[in-house]
């Protein structure tokens, strides 16, 4: 999946919701889509047949995380903002990080 060798993990939530996760131990971060996490590697795919949901990574991109590439934000004054301004700023930040999928936009619109 997305060029990584994956392992399959099956789970049963609330005694009736069957979930299949595909994870890779080539990416050590124990994260995944939505709120799924906790497997010994990055979750690149989730299938929830009962709810007709499938989420699969098609590609994995990274960025340079060396300390000299990051700086702390400058201390500034606190300002109030409205939802429209907040969404505009947040959308720009997400775009800068390459997070422009339909899922991200869906949750931004909530």
Protein backbone atom coordinates (compact mmCIF):
# COMPACT_ATOMS: atom_id res chain seq x y z
CA UNK A 1 0.00 0.00 0.00
CA UNK A 2 1.51 3.32 -1.09
CA UNK A 3 4.73 1.42 -1.79
CA UNK A 4 5.09 -0.04 1.72
CA UNK A 5 4.92 -3.66 2.88
CA UNK A 6 1.85 -3.85 5.15
CA UNK A 7 0.55 -6.18 7.84
CA UNK A 8 -3.12 -6.85 8.50
CA UNK A 9 -4.78 -6.39 11.90
CA UNK A 10 -8.42 -7.29 12.63
CA UNK A 11 -10.45 -5.81 15.48
CA UNK A 12 -13.98 -5.93 16.83
CA UNK A 13 -15.33 -2.78 18.49
CA UNK A 14 -18.45 -2.66 20.65
CA UNK A 15 -19.00 -6.39 20.03
CA UNK A 16 -20.32 -5.77 16.51
CA UNK A 17 -18.21 -3.37 14.45
CA UNK A 18 -15.53 -5.26 12.52
CA UNK A 19 -12.49 -3.22 11.48
CA UNK A 20 -9.55 -4.28 9.30
CA UNK A 21 -6.39 -2.16 9.48
CA UNK A 22 -3.30 -2.36 7.30
CA UNK A 23 -0.14 -0.97 8.87
CA UNK A 24 3.54 -0.79 8.04
CA UNK A 25 6.40 -1.06 10.49
CA UNK A 26 8.60 0.79 8.00
CA UNK A 27 7.10 4.04 9.36
CA UNK A 28 7.55 3.90 13.13
CA UNK A 29 4.94 6.52 14.01
CA UNK A 30 1.99 4.78 15.66
CA UNK A 31 -0.69 6.82 13.91
CA UNK A 32 -3.26 6.54 11.20
CA UNK A 33 -6.33 8.09 9.58
CA UNK A 34 -9.08 9.61 11.65
CA UNK A 35 -8.64 8.49 15.27
CA UNK A 36 -7.13 5.08 14.50
CA UNK A 37 -3.73 4.45 16.11
CA UNK A 38 -1.87 2.16 18.46
CA UNK A 39 -0.56 -0.50 16.09
CA UNK A 40 3.21 -1.04 15.89
CA UNK A 41 3.59 1.27 12.89
CA UNK A 42 1.72 3.72 10.66
CA UNK A 43 -1.78 2.64 9.63
CA UNK A 44 -2.07 3.12 5.87
CA UNK A 45 -5.47 1.52 5.37
CA UNK A 46 -8.73 1.06 7.25
CA UNK A 47 -11.83 -0.88 6.21
CA UNK A 48 -15.07 -0.79 8.20
CA UNK A 49 -17.47 -3.00 6.22
CA UNK A 50 -20.48 -2.38 8.48
CA UNK A 51 -20.38 1.33 7.69
CA UNK A 52 -19.17 0.93 4.08
CA UNK A 53 -16.01 2.92 4.84
CA UNK A 54 -12.58 2.33 3.35
CA UNK A 55 -9.62 4.65 3.70
CA UNK A 56 -6.37 3.72 1.96
CA UNK A 57 -3.20 5.76 1.50
CA UNK A 58 -2.20 6.21 -2.13
CA UNK A 59 1.10 7.93 -1.39
CA UNK A 60 3.17 8.97 1.58
CA UNK A 61 5.15 12.19 1.47
CA UNK A 62 7.39 13.67 4.09
CA UNK A 63 9.20 16.86 4.81
CA UNK A 64 12.50 17.80 6.40
CA UNK A 65 12.20 17.71 10.18
CA UNK A 66 15.77 18.62 11.07
CA UNK A 67 15.89 21.23 13.87
CA UNK A 68 17.49 23.92 11.70
CA UNK A 69 14.45 23.84 9.36
CA UNK A 70 11.97 24.76 12.12
CA UNK A 71 11.70 27.81 14.30
CA UNK A 72 9.38 28.72 17.12
CA UNK A 73 6.75 31.32 16.30
CA UNK A 74 7.55 34.84 17.39
CA UNK A 75 5.80 35.91 20.57
CA UNK A 76 2.98 38.24 19.66
CA UNK A 77 -0.10 39.76 21.12
CA UNK A 78 -3.30 37.74 21.42
CA UNK A 79 -6.06 38.74 19.05
CA UNK A 80 -9.62 37.60 18.70
CA UNK A 81 -10.72 36.16 15.38
CA UNK A 82 -13.98 35.02 13.88
CA UNK A 83 -14.67 31.62 12.30
CA UNK A 84 -14.24 32.87 8.73
CA UNK A 85 -10.77 34.29 9.45
CA UNK A 86 -9.81 31.18 11.42
CA UNK A 87 -10.88 28.88 8.55
CA UNK A 88 -8.95 30.99 6.03
CA UNK A 89 -5.75 30.88 8.12
CA UNK A 90 -6.16 27.16 8.89
CA UNK A 91 -6.84 26.29 5.23
CA UNK A 92 -3.65 28.10 4.19
CA UNK A 93 -1.62 26.25 6.82
CA UNK A 94 -3.07 22.88 5.76
CA UNK A 95 -2.33 23.68 2.11
CA UNK A 96 1.28 24.57 3.04
CA UNK A 97 1.59 21.09 4.60
CA UNK A 98 0.00 19.44 1.55
CA UNK A 99 -3.17 18.43 3.40
CA UNK A 100 -5.76 19.29 0.78
CA UNK A 101 -7.72 16.05 0.47
CA UNK A 102 -11.50 15.88 0.40
CA UNK A 103 -11.47 14.37 3.92
CA UNK A 104 -9.59 17.36 5.35
CA UNK A 105 -11.97 19.76 3.63
CA UNK A 106 -14.96 17.77 4.89
CA UNK A 107 -13.85 18.21 8.50
CA UNK A 108 -12.99 21.86 7.96
CA UNK A 109 -16.55 22.46 6.76
CA UNK A 110 -18.13 20.94 9.89
